Every structure is written in structure tokens, then in C-alpha cells.
Amino acid sequence: MDASTPKPIRTPKAILFDLDGTLVDSAPDIAAAVNELLAAHSLPPQPVAEVTTMIGGGVRKLVERAFAASGVSLAPATLEQAHRDMRPIYLRHLTGLTKLLPGAREAIAHFHAKGVPMAVATNKPQLAARTILLHFGLLERLGALVGGDAVTNPKPAPDMLLFALERLGVEPRDALMVGDSISDVKSARAAGMPVALIRGGYTETPVEELGADLVCDTLLDLPAALQRVLTAA
């Protein structure tokens, strides 16, 4: 069985969570940051729904997509400057409009009570992710946090997942990745671990078509859905 094929779900000895679109709905804050950057370049704002399609791949990719949606193709040097301009703007828009997604707090509390080590693996910058997790009181229940700037290759590469699991002391085959997009599936497959997807995140493709090992309506459903899979195995 190679890394591209589905993986059997065992009782997880660790769970890794994506952040944006999985634990939190951060699209309104991200849209606010994008539109502040665009305004500084005399470009019109983008609606939240449009910005939502740009999420995934980190801040640099977000900036590139935002300008592309405005009809502007940036030269590499100009893109790098726009990315530098975006960094302080992005950090100003983290918790004002961001909300926890249904079941996020409950799922974290459930697995924490079961003694399952958890981590967040996100393409969001480390400081931004930490700020959000602290704001919602989730950081203290996590054994590790790996942001996009903590590794050389962010998702869909496996690097941050493997780094998080190394911090938790768990092998990939004994862990579970929980996300909302094809990037989460690809990174989990490349790391050699099973993956569960939550509906309602930041993907234009139905999650049932992304090749996950388990699909749940919300994080509220994850513990029971996981138990059903383990019981049927």
C-alpha cells in the first residue's frame, strides 16, 4: 500500500487538526486582511465568498490569488513586497471576526479527556495560529502546533504533519489527520496516515470526492463516526 492509497483507521494514538475551515471559520478575518492590502494598492475589495476560495497554501499564495482575482499578475519581486506588506495586516485580522466551527471545542475536549495527544498542523503562520488558539482557549490542550512558517514545505507536503507527530512521539500509521480540503488529504497521504474530512470547510469540491477515509458533517460527529469505523473494522 503506497502513500497515495487509503489507510486503515486504527484507534488513534494522536490526532492532528487543520485550523482554517476545520476548527475555525476565519474567512471573514482573512477577507478583511486581503481587502486592506488591496485597498493599499487602489484595488477594489473582494467578497468573503471569493476570498474563501483563495484560502489554502499559506499567506504568500493568498496574496498571489487575491491580486489575480483583481486582474493583476505580480512579478516575483512585486509579489515578495506585497507579501511583506501583508504580514502586519494579516496579524491585525485574526480574532475580530473569526468563530469556532461547530463541535471544535467539544471534539478537542473529548479527545483530551480520553488522553489522546493532539496537535494543529496549519499553513497559517505560527504566530497567527497561536494567537487564534489562545483566544479560543484551545492551545493548552494541544501537545504541538506547527504553522506554515515552521517547515520548509507546507501542506500539501507531509513535512508539518511528520514534524507534529515527531513532537507527539507517534508514528503516522497510528495517527489521524482531520481537515477540510484536498491539501489535508494530500499531506496525510504523503505522510502515510489516514485522514478524516469535515464538511462545510474551504473546498469547492465536495468532500466525498476528495478521497478521505472518513467524512463527518461537523466535528461534533467525529468521535461517534470514528467509533463506528473502529467497531466495524
C-alpha atoms as a PDB file:
ATOM      1  CA  MET A   1       0.000   0.000   0.000  1.00  0.00           C
ATOM      2  CA  ASP A   2       1.644   3.260  -1.100  1.00  0.00           C
ATOM      3  CA  ALA A   3       1.153   6.730   0.348  1.00  0.00           C
ATOM      4  CA  SER A   4      -1.487   7.673  -2.258  1.00  0.00           C
ATOM      5  CA  THR A   5      -3.979   4.981  -1.252  1.00  0.00           C
ATOM      6  CA  PRO A   6      -6.473   4.976   1.640  1.00  0.00           C
ATOM      7  CA  LYS A   7      -5.141   3.978   5.047  1.00  0.00           C
ATOM      8  CA  PRO A   8      -6.892   1.813   7.626  1.00  0.00           C
ATOM      9  CA  ILE A   9      -8.125   3.817  10.589  1.00  0.00           C
ATOM     10  CA  ARG A  10      -6.865   2.411  13.876  1.00  0.00           C
ATOM     11  CA  THR A  11      -7.670   3.729  17.318  1.00  0.00           C
ATOM     12  CA  PRO A  12      -5.683   6.954  17.024  1.00  0.00           C
ATOM     13  CA  LYS A  13      -2.752   7.453  19.335  1.00  0.00           C
ATOM     14  CA  ALA A  14      -2.648  11.083  18.159  1.00  0.00           C
ATOM     15  CA  ILE A  15      -4.885  13.419  16.187  1.00  0.00           C
ATOM     16  CA  LEU A  16      -3.715  16.313  14.030  1.00  0.00           C
ATOM     17  CA  PHE A  17      -6.166  19.093  13.178  1.00  0.00           C
ATOM     18  CA  ASP A  18      -6.083  21.630  10.398  1.00  0.00           C
ATOM     19  CA  LEU A  19      -7.114  25.117  11.564  1.00  0.00           C
ATOM     20  CA  ASP A  20      -8.826  27.281   8.922  1.00  0.00           C
ATOM     21  CA  GLY A  21     -12.068  25.677   7.787  1.00  0.00           C
ATOM     22  CA  THR A  22     -11.689  22.805  10.268  1.00  0.00           C
ATOM     23  CA  LEU A  23     -11.518  24.248  13.784  1.00  0.00           C
ATOM     24  CA  VAL A  24     -12.362  27.860  12.927  1.00  0.00           C
ATOM     25  CA  ASP A  25     -14.184  29.893  10.310  1.00  0.00           C
ATOM     26  CA  SER A  26     -11.538  32.539   9.720  1.00  0.00           C
ATOM     27  CA  ALA A  27     -12.648  33.565   6.216  1.00  0.00           C
ATOM     28  CA  PRO A  28     -14.185  36.906   7.302  1.00  0.00           C
ATOM     29  CA  ASP A  29     -10.951  37.974   9.048  1.00  0.00           C
ATOM     30  CA  ILE A  30      -8.832  36.784   6.137  1.00  0.00           C
ATOM     31  CA  ALA A  31     -11.078  38.714   3.740  1.00  0.00           C
ATOM     32  CA  ALA A  32     -10.650  41.834   5.873  1.00  0.00           C
ATOM     33  CA  ALA A  33      -6.862  41.465   5.655  1.00  0.00           C
ATOM     34  CA  VAL A  34      -6.966  40.830   1.907  1.00  0.00           C
ATOM     35  CA  ASN A  35      -9.135  43.870   1.310  1.00  0.00           C
ATOM     36  CA  GLU A  36      -6.923  46.118   3.430  1.00  0.00           C
ATOM     37  CA  LEU A  37      -3.971  45.054   1.283  1.00  0.00           C
ATOM     38  CA  LEU A  38      -5.893  45.545  -1.960  1.00  0.00           C
ATOM     39  CA  ALA A  39      -7.083  48.995  -0.846  1.00  0.00           C
ATOM     40  CA  ALA A  40      -3.465  49.986  -0.246  1.00  0.00           C
ATOM     41  CA  HIS A  41      -2.878  49.175  -3.923  1.00  0.00           C
ATOM     42  CA  SER A  42      -6.003  51.074  -5.051  1.00  0.00           C
ATOM     43  CA  LEU A  43      -7.801  47.847  -5.940  1.00  0.00           C
ATOM     44  CA  PRO A  44     -11.470  47.104  -5.173  1.00  0.00           C
ATOM     45  CA  PRO A  45     -12.409  44.727  -2.338  1.00  0.00           C
ATOM     46  CA  GLN A  46     -13.176  41.063  -2.850  1.00  0.00           C
ATOM     47  CA  PRO A  47     -16.279  39.482  -1.252  1.00  0.00           C
ATOM     48  CA  VAL A  48     -15.785  36.991   1.562  1.00  0.00           C
ATOM     49  CA  ALA A  49     -17.088  34.159  -0.625  1.00  0.00           C
ATOM     50  CA  GLU A  50     -14.411  34.889  -3.226  1.00  0.00           C
ATOM     51  CA  VAL A  51     -11.635  35.164  -0.633  1.00  0.00           C
ATOM     52  CA  THR A  52     -12.738  31.839   0.838  1.00  0.00           C
ATOM     53  CA  THR A  53     -11.761  30.153  -2.440  1.00  0.00           C
ATOM     54  CA  MET A  54      -8.254  31.630  -2.067  1.00  0.00           C
ATOM     55  CA  ILE A  55      -7.576  30.067   1.350  1.00  0.00           C
ATOM     56  CA  GLY A  56      -5.085  27.203   1.497  1.00  0.00           C
ATOM     57  CA  GLY A  57      -1.420  27.312   0.618  1.00  0.00           C
ATOM     58  CA  GLY A  58      -0.264  29.964   3.053  1.00  0.00           C
ATOM     59  CA  VAL A  59      -0.188  33.767   3.077  1.00  0.00           C
ATOM     60  CA  ARG A  60       2.036  34.180   0.020  1.00  0.00           C
ATOM     61  CA  LYS A  61      -0.341  32.111  -2.105  1.00  0.00           C
ATOM     62  CA  LEU A  62      -3.278  34.063  -0.636  1.00  0.00           C
ATOM     63  CA  VAL A  63      -1.697  37.342  -1.750  1.00  0.00           C
ATOM     64  CA  GLU A  64      -0.980  35.992  -5.220  1.00  0.00           C
ATOM     65  CA  ARG A  65      -4.558  34.740  -5.605  1.00  0.00           C
ATOM     66  CA  ALA A  66      -6.026  38.000  -4.319  1.00  0.00           C
ATOM     67  CA  PHE A  67      -4.196  40.069  -6.903  1.00  0.00           C
ATOM     68  CA  ALA A  68      -5.014  37.551  -9.631  1.00  0.00           C
ATOM     69  CA  ALA A  69      -8.721  37.817  -8.731  1.00  0.00           C
ATOM     70  CA  SER A  70      -8.324  41.582  -9.141  1.00  0.00           C
ATOM     71  CA  GLY A  71      -6.872  41.073 -12.608  1.00  0.00           C
ATOM     72  CA  VAL A  72      -3.305  41.829 -11.567  1.00  0.00           C
ATOM     73  CA  SER A  73      -0.405  39.443 -12.210  1.00  0.00           C
ATOM     74  CA  LEU A  74       2.525  40.322  -9.985  1.00  0.00           C
ATOM     75  CA  ALA A  75       6.164  39.951 -10.965  1.00  0.00           C
ATOM     76  CA  PRO A  76       8.155  37.882  -8.448  1.00  0.00           C
ATOM     77  CA  ALA A  77       9.775  40.914  -6.811  1.00  0.00           C
ATOM     78  CA  THR A  78       6.455  42.751  -6.567  1.00  0.00           C
ATOM     79  CA  LEU A  79       4.778  39.655  -5.124  1.00  0.00           C
ATOM     80  CA  GLU A  80       7.507  39.396  -2.500  1.00  0.00           C
ATOM     81  CA  GLN A  81       6.961  43.025  -1.499  1.00  0.00           C
ATOM     82  CA  ALA A  82       3.193  42.539  -1.367  1.00  0.00           C
ATOM     83  CA  HIS A  83       3.749  39.505   0.845  1.00  0.00           C
ATOM     84  CA  ARG A  84       5.911  41.580   3.193  1.00  0.00           C
ATOM     85  CA  ASP A  85       3.211  44.268   3.244  1.00  0.00           C
ATOM     86  CA  MET A  86       0.603  41.646   4.080  1.00  0.00           C
ATOM     87  CA  ARG A  87       2.343  40.230   7.157  1.00  0.00           C
ATOM     88  CA  PRO A  88       1.438  43.004   9.651  1.00  0.00           C
ATOM     89  CA  ILE A  89      -2.004  43.430   8.049  1.00  0.00           C
ATOM     90  CA  TYR A  90      -2.713  39.717   8.419  1.00  0.00           C
ATOM     91  CA  LEU A  91      -1.774  39.781  12.099  1.00  0.00           C
ATOM     92  CA  ARG A  92      -4.257  42.596  12.709  1.00  0.00           C
ATOM     93  CA  HIS A  93      -7.138  40.438  11.479  1.00  0.00           C
ATOM     94  CA  LEU A  94      -7.088  37.200  13.463  1.00  0.00           C
ATOM     95  CA  THR A  95      -9.864  37.083  16.046  1.00  0.00           C
ATOM     96  CA  GLY A  96     -12.204  40.004  15.387  1.00  0.00           C
ATOM     97  CA  LEU A  97     -14.495  38.090  13.019  1.00  0.00           C
ATOM     98  CA  THR A  98     -13.240  34.508  13.373  1.00  0.00           C
ATOM     99  CA  LYS A  99     -15.565  31.963  15.005  1.00  0.00           C
ATOM    100  CA  LEU A 100     -15.120  28.417  16.258  1.00  0.00           C
ATOM    101  CA  LEU A 101     -16.768  25.899  13.968  1.00  0.00           C
ATOM    102  CA  PRO A 102     -19.480  23.620  15.406  1.00  0.00           C
ATOM    103  CA  GLY A 103     -18.029  20.904  17.591  1.00  0.00           C
ATOM    104  CA  ALA A 104     -14.467  22.231  17.639  1.00  0.00           C
ATOM    105  CA  ARG A 105     -14.348  22.879  21.357  1.00  0.00           C
ATOM    106  CA  GLU A 106     -16.280  19.698  22.142  1.00  0.00           C
ATOM    107  CA  ALA A 107     -14.068  17.468  19.976  1.00  0.00           C
ATOM    108  CA  ILE A 108     -10.864  18.859  21.484  1.00  0.00           C
ATOM    109  CA  ALA A 109     -12.306  18.380  24.991  1.00  0.00           C
ATOM    110  CA  HIS A 110     -13.448  14.825  24.175  1.00  0.00           C
ATOM    111  CA  PHE A 111     -10.092  13.600  22.908  1.00  0.00           C
ATOM    112  CA  HIS A 112      -8.224  15.457  25.634  1.00  0.00           C
ATOM    113  CA  ALA A 113     -10.351  13.674  28.236  1.00  0.00           C
ATOM    114  CA  LYS A 114      -9.526  10.354  26.522  1.00  0.00           C
ATOM    115  CA  GLY A 115      -5.822  11.137  26.828  1.00  0.00           C
ATOM    116  CA  VAL A 116      -5.250  11.348  23.068  1.00  0.00           C
ATOM    117  CA  PRO A 117      -2.363  13.704  22.206  1.00  0.00           C
ATOM    118  CA  MET A 118      -3.372  16.380  19.706  1.00  0.00           C
ATOM    119  CA  ALA A 119      -1.684  18.979  17.534  1.00  0.00           C
ATOM    120  CA  VAL A 120      -2.640  21.602  14.989  1.00  0.00           C
ATOM    121  CA  ALA A 121      -0.874  21.475  11.617  1.00  0.00           C
ATOM    122  CA  THR A 122      -1.777  24.521   9.540  1.00  0.00           C
ATOM    123  CA  ASN A 123      -0.371  26.536   6.664  1.00  0.00           C
ATOM    124  CA  LYS A 124      -1.264  29.640   8.676  1.00  0.00           C
ATOM    125  CA  PRO A 125       1.826  31.353  10.142  1.00  0.00           C
ATOM    126  CA  GLN A 126       2.811  30.016  13.548  1.00  0.00           C
ATOM    127  CA  LEU A 127       2.219  33.275  15.434  1.00  0.00           C
ATOM    128  CA  ALA A 128      -1.195  33.796  13.830  1.00  0.00           C
ATOM    129  CA  ALA A 129      -2.305  30.244  14.605  1.00  0.00           C
ATOM    130  CA  ARG A 130      -1.074  30.507  18.184  1.00  0.00           C
ATOM    131  CA  THR A 131      -2.955  33.779  18.682  1.00  0.00           C
ATOM    132  CA  ILE A 132      -6.225  32.232  17.478  1.00  0.00           C
ATOM    133  CA  LEU A 133      -5.848  29.059  19.541  1.00  0.00           C
ATOM    134  CA  LEU A 134      -5.042  31.097  22.645  1.00  0.00           C
ATOM    135  CA  HIS A 135      -8.038  33.343  22.001  1.00  0.00           C
ATOM    136  CA  PHE A 136     -10.389  30.370  21.977  1.00  0.00           C
ATOM    137  CA  GLY A 137      -8.712  28.567  24.870  1.00  0.00           C
ATOM    138  CA  LEU A 138      -7.646  25.556  22.818  1.00  0.00           C
ATOM    139  CA  LEU A 139      -3.858  25.843  22.863  1.00  0.00           C
ATOM    140  CA  GLU A 140      -3.435  24.443  26.384  1.00  0.00           C
ATOM    141  CA  ARG A 141      -4.951  21.122  25.290  1.00  0.00           C
ATOM    142  CA  LEU A 142      -2.563  20.680  22.367  1.00  0.00           C
ATOM    143  CA  GLY A 143       0.757  18.900  22.505  1.00  0.00           C
ATOM    144  CA  ALA A 144       2.148  20.727  19.483  1.00  0.00           C
ATOM    145  CA  LEU A 145       1.431  23.482  16.993  1.00  0.00           C
ATOM    146  CA  VAL A 146       3.120  23.541  13.596  1.00  0.00           C
ATOM    147  CA  GLY A 147       2.492  26.547  11.372  1.00  0.00           C
ATOM    148  CA  GLY A 148       3.334  27.053   7.731  1.00  0.00           C
ATOM    149  CA  ASP A 149       6.494  29.003   8.513  1.00  0.00           C
ATOM    150  CA  ALA A 150       7.797  26.285  10.853  1.00  0.00           C
ATOM    151  CA  VAL A 151       8.711  23.979   7.952  1.00  0.00           C
ATOM    152  CA  THR A 152      10.311  24.410   4.559  1.00  0.00           C
ATOM    153  CA  ASN A 153       7.450  22.775   2.664  1.00  0.00           C
ATOM    154  CA  PRO A 154       3.886  23.424   3.892  1.00  0.00           C
ATOM    155  CA  LYS A 155       0.839  21.307   3.016  1.00  0.00           C
ATOM    156  CA  PRO A 156       0.200  19.501   0.720  1.00  0.00           C
ATOM    157  CA  ALA A 157       3.727  18.291   1.528  1.00  0.00           C
ATOM    158  CA  PRO A 158       3.882  15.947   4.538  1.00  0.00           C
ATOM    159  CA  ASP A 159       6.577  17.894   6.405  1.00  0.00           C
ATOM    160  CA  MET A 160       4.446  19.640   9.020  1.00  0.00           C
ATOM    161  CA  LEU A 161       2.418  16.519   9.769  1.00  0.00           C
ATOM    162  CA  LEU A 162       5.578  14.482  10.295  1.00  0.00           C
ATOM    163  CA  PHE A 163       7.098  17.259  12.409  1.00  0.00           C
ATOM    164  CA  ALA A 164       3.972  17.421  14.595  1.00  0.00           C
ATOM    165  CA  LEU A 165       3.901  13.649  15.039  1.00  0.00           C
ATOM    166  CA  GLU A 166       7.586  13.650  15.936  1.00  0.00           C
ATOM    167  CA  ARG A 167       6.783  16.206  18.641  1.00  0.00           C
ATOM    168  CA  LEU A 168       3.978  13.956  19.906  1.00  0.00           C
ATOM    169  CA  GLY A 169       6.076  10.779  19.664  1.00  0.00           C
ATOM    170  CA  VAL A 170       3.574   8.917  17.461  1.00  0.00           C
ATOM    171  CA  GLU A 171       4.056   7.078  14.151  1.00  0.00           C
ATOM    172  CA  PRO A 172       1.955   8.264  11.167  1.00  0.00           C
ATOM    173  CA  ARG A 173       0.106   4.957  10.800  1.00  0.00           C
ATOM    174  CA  ASP A 174      -1.114   5.302  14.408  1.00  0.00           C
ATOM    175  CA  ALA A 175      -2.401   8.873  13.988  1.00  0.00           C
ATOM    176  CA  LEU A 176      -5.322  10.600  12.271  1.00  0.00           C
ATOM    177  CA  MET A 177      -5.333  13.831  10.276  1.00  0.00           C
ATOM    178  CA  VAL A 178      -8.551  15.864  10.460  1.00  0.00           C
ATOM    179  CA  GLY A 179      -9.068  18.579   7.863  1.00  0.00           C
ATOM    180  CA  ASP A 180     -11.420  20.048   5.296  1.00  0.00           C
ATOM    181  CA  SER A 181      -9.609  20.156   1.946  1.00  0.00           C
ATOM    182  CA  ILE A 182      -7.648  18.290  -0.703  1.00  0.00           C
ATOM    183  CA  SER A 183      -4.477  19.791   0.751  1.00  0.00           C
ATOM    184  CA  ASP A 184      -5.134  17.926   4.003  1.00  0.00           C
ATOM    185  CA  VAL A 185      -5.779  14.683   2.113  1.00  0.00           C
ATOM    186  CA  LYS A 186      -2.614  15.006   0.034  1.00  0.00           C
ATOM    187  CA  SER A 187      -0.425  15.818   3.023  1.00  0.00           C
ATOM    188  CA  ALA A 188      -1.865  12.931   5.035  1.00  0.00           C
ATOM    189  CA  ARG A 189      -1.374  10.504   2.159  1.00  0.00           C
ATOM    190  CA  ALA A 190       2.204  11.693   1.663  1.00  0.00           C
ATOM    191  CA  ALA A 191       2.840  11.214   5.384  1.00  0.00           C
ATOM    192  CA  GLY A 192       1.316   7.715   5.300  1.00  0.00           C
ATOM    193  CA  MET A 193      -1.570   8.376   7.667  1.00  0.00           C
ATOM    194  CA  PRO A 194      -5.381   8.140   7.473  1.00  0.00           C
ATOM    195  CA  VAL A 195      -7.430  11.303   7.076  1.00  0.00           C
ATOM    196  CA  ALA A 196     -10.922  12.454   8.063  1.00  0.00           C
ATOM    197  CA  LEU A 197     -12.612  15.446   6.430  1.00  0.00           C
ATOM    198  CA  ILE A 198     -15.264  17.745   7.854  1.00  0.00           C
ATOM    199  CA  ARG A 199     -17.974  19.161   5.601  1.00  0.00           C
ATOM    200  CA  GLY A 200     -18.502  22.903   5.347  1.00  0.00           C
ATOM    201  CA  GLY A 201     -14.850  23.915   5.145  1.00  0.00           C
ATOM    202  CA  TYR A 202     -12.907  25.746   2.481  1.00  0.00           C
ATOM    203  CA  THR A 203     -13.186  23.471  -0.524  1.00  0.00           C
ATOM    204  CA  GLU A 204     -15.152  23.953  -3.727  1.00  0.00           C
ATOM    205  CA  THR A 205     -15.104  20.197  -4.377  1.00  0.00           C
ATOM    206  CA  PRO A 206     -17.494  18.063  -2.301  1.00  0.00           C
ATOM    207  CA  VAL A 207     -15.506  16.385   0.465  1.00  0.00           C
ATOM    208  CA  GLU A 208     -16.882  12.984  -0.568  1.00  0.00           C
ATOM    209  CA  GLU A 209     -14.868  13.334  -3.789  1.00  0.00           C
ATOM    210  CA  LEU A 210     -11.531  14.095  -2.115  1.00  0.00           C
ATOM    211  CA  GLY A 211     -10.609  10.538  -1.156  1.00  0.00           C
ATOM    212  CA  ALA A 212     -10.746  10.752   2.644  1.00  0.00           C
ATOM    213  CA  ASP A 213     -11.040   7.671   4.826  1.00  0.00           C
ATOM    214  CA  LEU A 214     -13.850   9.231   6.874  1.00  0.00           C
ATOM    215  CA  VAL A 215     -16.238  12.167   6.274  1.00  0.00           C
ATOM    216  CA  CYS A 216     -18.236  13.915   9.020  1.00  0.00           C
ATOM    217  CA  ASP A 217     -20.841  16.666   8.906  1.00  0.00           C
ATOM    218  CA  THR A 218     -19.216  18.531  11.805  1.00  0.00           C
ATOM    219  CA  LEU A 219     -16.574  17.943  14.446  1.00  0.00           C
ATOM    220  CA  LEU A 220     -19.412  17.127  16.828  1.00  0.00           C
ATOM    221  CA  ASP A 221     -19.874  13.922  14.827  1.00  0.00           C
ATOM    222  CA  LEU A 222     -16.209  12.916  14.750  1.00  0.00           C
ATOM    223  CA  PRO A 223     -15.974  10.863  17.979  1.00  0.00           C
ATOM    224  CA  ALA A 224     -19.055   8.767  17.162  1.00  0.00           C
ATOM    225  CA  ALA A 225     -18.125   8.359  13.491  1.00  0.00           C
ATOM    226  CA  LEU A 226     -14.653   7.267  14.465  1.00  0.00           C
ATOM    227  CA  GLN A 227     -16.065   4.761  16.942  1.00  0.00           C
ATOM    228  CA  ARG A 228     -18.370   3.291  14.268  1.00  0.00           C
ATOM    229  CA  VAL A 229     -15.428   2.787  11.905  1.00  0.00           C
ATOM    230  CA  LEU A 230     -13.339   1.137  14.617  1.00  0.00           C
ATOM    231  CA  THR A 231     -16.205  -1.105  15.704  1.00  0.00           C
ATOM    232  CA  ALA A 232     -16.854  -2.228  12.114  1.00  0.00           C
ATOM    233  CA  ALA A 233     -13.189  -2.943  11.429  1.00  0.00           C
END
